[in-house]
All heavy atoms as atom14 arrays in JSON, in Angstrom:
{
  "sequence": "ENLYLHSARKGLDPTQNFSGLVTNQVGFNRVVT",
  "atom14_mask": [
    [1, 1, 1, 1, 1, 1, 1, 1, 1, 0, 0, 0, 0, 0],
    [1, 1, 1, 1, 1, 1, 1, 1, 0, 0, 0, 0, 0, 0],
    [1, 1, 1, 1, 1, 1, 1, 1, 0, 0, 0, 0, 0, 0],
    [1, 1, 1, 1, 1, 1, 1, 1, 1, 1, 1, 1, 0, 0],
    [1, 1, 1, 1, 1, 1, 1, 1, 0, 0, 0, 0, 0, 0],
    [1, 1, 1, 1, 1, 1, 1, 1, 1, 1, 0, 0, 0, 0],
    [1, 1, 1, 1, 1, 1, 0, 0, 0, 0, 0, 0, 0, 0],
    [1, 1, 1, 1, 1, 0, 0, 0, 0, 0, 0, 0, 0, 0],
    [1, 1, 1, 1, 1, 1, 1, 1, 1, 1, 1, 0, 0, 0],
    [1, 1, 1, 1, 1, 1, 1, 1, 1, 0, 0, 0, 0, 0],
    [1, 1, 1, 1, 0, 0, 0, 0, 0, 0, 0, 0, 0, 0],
    [1, 1, 1, 1, 1, 1, 1, 1, 0, 0, 0, 0, 0, 0],
    [1, 1, 1, 1, 1, 1, 1, 1, 0, 0, 0, 0, 0, 0],
    [1, 1, 1, 1, 1, 1, 1, 0, 0, 0, 0, 0, 0, 0],
    [1, 1, 1, 1, 1, 1, 1, 0, 0, 0, 0, 0, 0, 0],
    [1, 1, 1, 1, 1, 1, 1, 1, 1, 0, 0, 0, 0, 0],
    [1, 1, 1, 1, 1, 1, 1, 1, 0, 0, 0, 0, 0, 0],
    [1, 1, 1, 1, 1, 1, 1, 1, 1, 1, 1, 0, 0, 0],
    [1, 1, 1, 1, 1, 1, 0, 0, 0, 0, 0, 0, 0, 0],
    [1, 1, 1, 1, 0, 0, 0, 0, 0, 0, 0, 0, 0, 0],
    [1, 1, 1, 1, 1, 1, 1, 1, 0, 0, 0, 0, 0, 0],
    [1, 1, 1, 1, 1, 1, 1, 0, 0, 0, 0, 0, 0, 0],
    [1, 1, 1, 1, 1, 1, 1, 0, 0, 0, 0, 0, 0, 0],
    [1, 1, 1, 1, 1, 1, 1, 1, 0, 0, 0, 0, 0, 0],
    [1, 1, 1, 1, 1, 1, 1, 1, 1, 0, 0, 0, 0, 0],
    [1, 1, 1, 1, 1, 1, 1, 0, 0, 0, 0, 0, 0, 0],
    [1, 1, 1, 1, 0, 0, 0, 0, 0, 0, 0, 0, 0, 0],
    [1, 1, 1, 1, 1, 1, 1, 1, 1, 1, 1, 0, 0, 0],
    [1, 1, 1, 1, 1, 1, 1, 1, 0, 0, 0, 0, 0, 0],
    [1, 1, 1, 1, 1, 1, 1, 1, 1, 1, 1, 0, 0, 0],
    [1, 1, 1, 1, 1, 1, 1, 0, 0, 0, 0, 0, 0, 0],
    [1, 1, 1, 1, 1, 1, 1, 0, 0, 0, 0, 0, 0, 0],
    [1, 1, 1, 1, 1, 1, 1, 0, 0, 0, 0, 0, 0, 0]
  ],
  "atom14_positions": [
    [[90.97, 93.88, 113.61], [92.37, 94.13, 113.56], [92.69, 94.81, 112.3], [92.15, 94.6, 111.16], [93.1, 92.82, 113.7], [93.01, 92.1, 114.99], [93.77, 90.84, 115.01], [94.73, 90.65, 114.27], [93.33, 89.82, 115.72], [0.0, 0.0, 0.0], [0.0, 0.0, 0.0], [0.0, 0.0, 0.0], [0.0, 0.0, 0.0], [0.0, 0.0, 0.0]],
    [[93.66, 95.78, 112.32], [94.12, 96.56, 111.15], [93.05, 97.16, 110.35], [92.9, 97.0, 109.21], [94.99, 95.56, 110.21], [96.14, 94.89, 110.95], [96.84, 95.51, 111.77], [96.39, 93.68, 110.6], [0.0, 0.0, 0.0], [0.0, 0.0, 0.0], [0.0, 0.0, 0.0], [0.0, 0.0, 0.0], [0.0, 0.0, 0.0], [0.0, 0.0, 0.0]],
    [[92.3, 97.94, 111.03], [91.2, 98.77, 110.4], [91.61, 99.76, 109.56], [91.1, 100.08, 108.47], [90.24, 99.22, 111.46], [89.4, 98.19, 112.21], [88.38, 98.81, 113.13], [88.54, 97.46, 111.18], [0.0, 0.0, 0.0], [0.0, 0.0, 0.0], [0.0, 0.0, 0.0], [0.0, 0.0, 0.0], [0.0, 0.0, 0.0], [0.0, 0.0, 0.0]],
    [[92.75, 100.55, 109.92], [92.98, 101.69, 109.21], [94.51, 101.99, 109.26], [95.16, 101.85, 110.32], [92.33, 102.85, 109.81], [92.42, 104.2, 109.06], [91.88, 104.43, 107.81], [93.24, 105.15, 109.71], [92.0, 105.67, 107.22], [93.49, 106.42, 108.95], [92.92, 106.59, 107.74], [93.13, 107.81, 107.23], [0.0, 0.0, 0.0], [0.0, 0.0, 0.0]],
    [[95.05, 102.44, 108.22], [96.51, 102.83, 108.06], [96.58, 104.07, 107.12], [96.24, 104.09, 106.08], [97.38, 101.73, 107.58], [98.87, 102.1, 107.34], [99.55, 102.36, 108.68], [99.64, 101.06, 106.67], [0.0, 0.0, 0.0], [0.0, 0.0, 0.0], [0.0, 0.0, 0.0], [0.0, 0.0, 0.0], [0.0, 0.0, 0.0], [0.0, 0.0, 0.0]],
    [[97.14, 105.28, 107.8], [97.4, 106.45, 106.93], [98.68, 106.76, 107.01], [99.42, 106.88, 108.06], [96.46, 107.63, 107.57], [96.7, 108.93, 106.75], [96.19, 109.07, 105.52], [97.43, 109.93, 107.08], [96.53, 110.24, 105.17], [97.31, 110.79, 106.14], [0.0, 0.0, 0.0], [0.0, 0.0, 0.0], [0.0, 0.0, 0.0], [0.0, 0.0, 0.0]],
    [[99.34, 106.99, 105.75], [100.72, 107.31, 105.67], [100.9, 108.16, 104.52], [100.21, 108.06, 103.53], [101.63, 106.12, 105.57], [102.97, 106.37, 105.29], [0.0, 0.0, 0.0], [0.0, 0.0, 0.0], [0.0, 0.0, 0.0], [0.0, 0.0, 0.0], [0.0, 0.0, 0.0], [0.0, 0.0, 0.0], [0.0, 0.0, 0.0], [0.0, 0.0, 0.0]],
    [[101.86, 109.17, 104.53], [102.16, 109.93, 103.5], [102.88, 109.16, 102.36], [102.99, 109.54, 101.18], [103.14, 111.17, 103.79], [0.0, 0.0, 0.0], [0.0, 0.0, 0.0], [0.0, 0.0, 0.0], [0.0, 0.0, 0.0], [0.0, 0.0, 0.0], [0.0, 0.0, 0.0], [0.0, 0.0, 0.0], [0.0, 0.0, 0.0], [0.0, 0.0, 0.0]],
    [[103.5, 108.0, 102.77], [104.2, 107.2, 101.8], [103.23, 106.3, 101.05], [102.53, 105.52, 101.63], [105.16, 106.28, 102.54], [106.34, 107.13, 103.23], [107.25, 106.24, 103.87], [108.66, 106.32, 103.53], [109.56, 105.67, 103.88], [109.36, 104.6, 104.54], [110.8, 106.09, 103.54], [0.0, 0.0, 0.0], [0.0, 0.0, 0.0], [0.0, 0.0, 0.0]],
    [[103.1, 106.39, 99.74], [102.26, 105.6, 98.99], [102.9, 104.44, 98.49], [104.01, 104.38, 98.09], [101.72, 106.41, 97.78], [100.95, 107.72, 98.21], [99.76, 107.38, 98.94], [99.04, 108.73, 99.25], [98.19, 108.51, 100.45], [0.0, 0.0, 0.0], [0.0, 0.0, 0.0], [0.0, 0.0, 0.0], [0.0, 0.0, 0.0], [0.0, 0.0, 0.0]],
    [[102.23, 103.28, 98.61], [102.72, 102.0, 98.17], [103.64, 101.17, 99.05], [103.97, 100.03, 98.97], [0.0, 0.0, 0.0], [0.0, 0.0, 0.0], [0.0, 0.0, 0.0], [0.0, 0.0, 0.0], [0.0, 0.0, 0.0], [0.0, 0.0, 0.0], [0.0, 0.0, 0.0], [0.0, 0.0, 0.0], [0.0, 0.0, 0.0], [0.0, 0.0, 0.0]],
    [[104.04, 101.88, 100.23], [104.87, 101.14, 101.2], [104.19, 101.12, 102.57], [103.49, 101.98, 102.91], [106.2, 101.88, 101.38], [107.08, 102.01, 100.21], [108.37, 102.81, 100.52], [107.63, 100.66, 99.78], [0.0, 0.0, 0.0], [0.0, 0.0, 0.0], [0.0, 0.0, 0.0], [0.0, 0.0, 0.0], [0.0, 0.0, 0.0], [0.0, 0.0, 0.0]],
    [[104.42, 100.05, 103.18], [103.82, 99.88, 104.57], [104.97, 100.33, 105.54], [105.91, 99.79, 105.71], [103.49, 98.39, 104.84], [102.82, 98.18, 106.13], [102.76, 99.12, 106.97], [102.46, 97.06, 106.42], [0.0, 0.0, 0.0], [0.0, 0.0, 0.0], [0.0, 0.0, 0.0], [0.0, 0.0, 0.0], [0.0, 0.0, 0.0], [0.0, 0.0, 0.0]],
    [[104.62, 101.51, 106.22], [105.6, 102.02, 107.09], [105.89, 101.24, 108.3], [106.82, 101.44, 109.05], [105.02, 103.43, 107.49], [103.64, 103.25, 107.28], [103.48, 102.38, 106.24], [0.0, 0.0, 0.0], [0.0, 0.0, 0.0], [0.0, 0.0, 0.0], [0.0, 0.0, 0.0], [0.0, 0.0, 0.0], [0.0, 0.0, 0.0], [0.0, 0.0, 0.0]],
    [[105.09, 100.18, 108.7], [105.25, 99.32, 109.76], [106.33, 98.19, 109.47], [106.69, 97.44, 110.41], [104.0, 98.73, 110.32], [103.38, 97.95, 109.32], [103.01, 99.87, 110.7], [0.0, 0.0, 0.0], [0.0, 0.0, 0.0], [0.0, 0.0, 0.0], [0.0, 0.0, 0.0], [0.0, 0.0, 0.0], [0.0, 0.0, 0.0], [0.0, 0.0, 0.0]],
    [[106.6, 98.0, 108.1], [107.54, 96.99, 107.77], [108.95, 97.39, 107.7], [109.21, 98.63, 107.59], [107.2, 96.48, 106.38], [105.81, 95.87, 106.34], [105.68, 94.53, 106.98], [106.64, 93.77, 107.01], [104.54, 94.15, 107.54], [0.0, 0.0, 0.0], [0.0, 0.0, 0.0], [0.0, 0.0, 0.0], [0.0, 0.0, 0.0], [0.0, 0.0, 0.0]],
    [[109.9, 96.59, 107.95], [111.24, 96.83, 107.86], [111.79, 96.61, 106.46], [111.77, 95.41, 106.0], [112.12, 96.04, 108.86], [113.54, 96.33, 108.88], [114.07, 97.26, 108.24], [114.26, 95.48, 109.51], [0.0, 0.0, 0.0], [0.0, 0.0, 0.0], [0.0, 0.0, 0.0], [0.0, 0.0, 0.0], [0.0, 0.0, 0.0], [0.0, 0.0, 0.0]],
    [[112.33, 97.52, 105.81], [112.77, 97.35, 104.36], [114.44, 97.29, 104.46], [114.9, 98.4, 103.98], [112.2, 98.43, 103.47], [110.64, 98.2, 103.32], [109.89, 99.15, 103.97], [110.17, 97.31, 102.39], [108.5, 98.88, 103.82], [108.91, 97.14, 102.29], [108.04, 97.99, 102.91], [0.0, 0.0, 0.0], [0.0, 0.0, 0.0], [0.0, 0.0, 0.0]],
    [[114.98, 96.36, 104.88], [116.35, 96.4, 105.05], [117.06, 95.69, 103.84], [118.33, 95.55, 103.87], [116.79, 95.63, 106.28], [116.32, 94.26, 106.22], [0.0, 0.0, 0.0], [0.0, 0.0, 0.0], [0.0, 0.0, 0.0], [0.0, 0.0, 0.0], [0.0, 0.0, 0.0], [0.0, 0.0, 0.0], [0.0, 0.0, 0.0], [0.0, 0.0, 0.0]],
    [[116.44, 95.22, 102.78], [116.94, 94.56, 101.65], [116.8, 92.96, 101.79], [117.15, 92.35, 100.78], [0.0, 0.0, 0.0], [0.0, 0.0, 0.0], [0.0, 0.0, 0.0], [0.0, 0.0, 0.0], [0.0, 0.0, 0.0], [0.0, 0.0, 0.0], [0.0, 0.0, 0.0], [0.0, 0.0, 0.0], [0.0, 0.0, 0.0], [0.0, 0.0, 0.0]],
    [[116.46, 92.52, 102.94], [116.27, 90.99, 103.09], [114.92, 90.61, 102.67], [113.89, 91.37, 102.89], [116.63, 90.69, 104.54], [117.92, 91.02, 105.08], [118.05, 90.65, 106.65], [119.03, 90.25, 104.35], [0.0, 0.0, 0.0], [0.0, 0.0, 0.0], [0.0, 0.0, 0.0], [0.0, 0.0, 0.0], [0.0, 0.0, 0.0], [0.0, 0.0, 0.0]],
    [[114.79, 89.45, 102.17], [113.45, 88.98, 101.73], [112.99, 88.16, 102.86], [113.5, 87.34, 103.37], [113.55, 88.03, 100.44], [112.31, 87.46, 100.01], [114.21, 88.73, 99.26], [0.0, 0.0, 0.0], [0.0, 0.0, 0.0], [0.0, 0.0, 0.0], [0.0, 0.0, 0.0], [0.0, 0.0, 0.0], [0.0, 0.0, 0.0], [0.0, 0.0, 0.0]],
    [[111.67, 88.64, 103.41], [111.04, 87.97, 104.51], [109.5, 87.78, 104.02], [109.13, 88.42, 103.2], [111.01, 88.78, 105.72], [110.41, 89.98, 105.49], [112.49, 89.0, 106.15], [0.0, 0.0, 0.0], [0.0, 0.0, 0.0], [0.0, 0.0, 0.0], [0.0, 0.0, 0.0], [0.0, 0.0, 0.0], [0.0, 0.0, 0.0], [0.0, 0.0, 0.0]],
    [[109.0, 86.7, 104.53], [107.54, 86.37, 104.26], [106.64, 87.1, 105.29], [106.01, 86.42, 106.07], [107.4, 84.86, 104.32], [108.13, 84.25, 103.07], [108.29, 84.71, 102.14], [108.59, 83.03, 103.36], [0.0, 0.0, 0.0], [0.0, 0.0, 0.0], [0.0, 0.0, 0.0], [0.0, 0.0, 0.0], [0.0, 0.0, 0.0], [0.0, 0.0, 0.0]],
    [[106.59, 88.38, 105.23], [105.72, 89.07, 106.15], [104.37, 89.35, 105.34], [104.53, 89.91, 104.36], [106.34, 90.33, 106.68], [107.69, 90.06, 107.5], [108.19, 91.38, 107.97], [107.82, 92.49, 107.66], [109.16, 91.25, 108.86], [0.0, 0.0, 0.0], [0.0, 0.0, 0.0], [0.0, 0.0, 0.0], [0.0, 0.0, 0.0], [0.0, 0.0, 0.0]],
    [[103.36, 89.21, 106.1], [101.98, 89.44, 105.57], [101.78, 90.97, 105.71], [102.12, 91.52, 106.76], [100.9, 88.66, 106.34], [99.59, 88.94, 105.78], [101.21, 87.17, 106.08], [0.0, 0.0, 0.0], [0.0, 0.0, 0.0], [0.0, 0.0, 0.0], [0.0, 0.0, 0.0], [0.0, 0.0, 0.0], [0.0, 0.0, 0.0], [0.0, 0.0, 0.0]],
    [[101.2, 91.56, 104.64], [101.02, 93.04, 104.7], [99.82, 93.38, 105.68], [99.5, 92.72, 106.61], [0.0, 0.0, 0.0], [0.0, 0.0, 0.0], [0.0, 0.0, 0.0], [0.0, 0.0, 0.0], [0.0, 0.0, 0.0], [0.0, 0.0, 0.0], [0.0, 0.0, 0.0], [0.0, 0.0, 0.0], [0.0, 0.0, 0.0], [0.0, 0.0, 0.0]],
    [[99.13, 94.41, 105.21], [98.07, 95.04, 106.12], [96.73, 94.33, 105.81], [95.87, 94.76, 105.0], [97.96, 96.55, 105.66], [97.22, 97.35, 106.73], [97.71, 97.69, 107.98], [96.01, 97.79, 106.41], [97.07, 98.51, 108.84], [95.15, 98.52, 107.15], [95.72, 98.79, 108.41], [0.0, 0.0, 0.0], [0.0, 0.0, 0.0], [0.0, 0.0, 0.0]],
    [[96.56, 93.22, 106.44], [95.21, 92.35, 106.29], [94.27, 92.85, 107.41], [94.56, 92.97, 108.53], [95.48, 90.95, 106.4], [96.36, 90.44, 105.21], [96.15, 91.0, 104.13], [97.12, 89.42, 105.49], [0.0, 0.0, 0.0], [0.0, 0.0, 0.0], [0.0, 0.0, 0.0], [0.0, 0.0, 0.0], [0.0, 0.0, 0.0], [0.0, 0.0, 0.0]],
    [[93.07, 93.03, 106.98], [92.02, 93.35, 107.97], [91.28, 92.09, 108.38], [91.01, 91.16, 107.56], [90.99, 94.29, 107.3], [91.45, 95.61, 107.11], [90.36, 96.5, 106.54], [90.92, 97.82, 106.28], [91.4, 98.18, 105.12], [91.41, 97.4, 104.07], [91.97, 99.52, 104.97], [0.0, 0.0, 0.0], [0.0, 0.0, 0.0], [0.0, 0.0, 0.0]],
    [[91.13, 91.89, 109.68], [90.39, 90.82, 110.27], [89.32, 91.31, 111.12], [89.49, 92.15, 112.05], [91.38, 89.87, 111.05], [90.49, 88.67, 111.62], [92.52, 89.46, 110.2], [0.0, 0.0, 0.0], [0.0, 0.0, 0.0], [0.0, 0.0, 0.0], [0.0, 0.0, 0.0], [0.0, 0.0, 0.0], [0.0, 0.0, 0.0], [0.0, 0.0, 0.0]],
    [[88.01, 90.92, 110.89], [86.8, 91.3, 111.69], [86.18, 89.9, 112.16], [85.95, 89.03, 111.34], [85.92, 92.16, 110.84], [84.59, 92.4, 111.74], [86.57, 93.31, 110.32], [0.0, 0.0, 0.0], [0.0, 0.0, 0.0], [0.0, 0.0, 0.0], [0.0, 0.0, 0.0], [0.0, 0.0, 0.0], [0.0, 0.0, 0.0], [0.0, 0.0, 0.0]],
    [[85.91, 89.88, 113.38], [85.31, 88.77, 114.04], [84.07, 89.05, 114.84], [84.15, 90.08, 115.63], [86.28, 88.04, 115.08], [87.52, 87.76, 114.36], [85.75, 86.82, 115.56], [0.0, 0.0, 0.0], [0.0, 0.0, 0.0], [0.0, 0.0, 0.0], [0.0, 0.0, 0.0], [0.0, 0.0, 0.0], [0.0, 0.0, 0.0], [0.0, 0.0, 0.0]]
  ]
}
C-alpha cells in the first residue's frame, strides 16, 4: 500500500484536505505484507 506518490507540490500531501482544521490523519505510510 502507498508505494509511490508523485506531485509537483513539495512538502504537501495532495491527497489530504488542508482546510485549516487540525485532524489526526496519518501521512503517506508504506505498508508491505
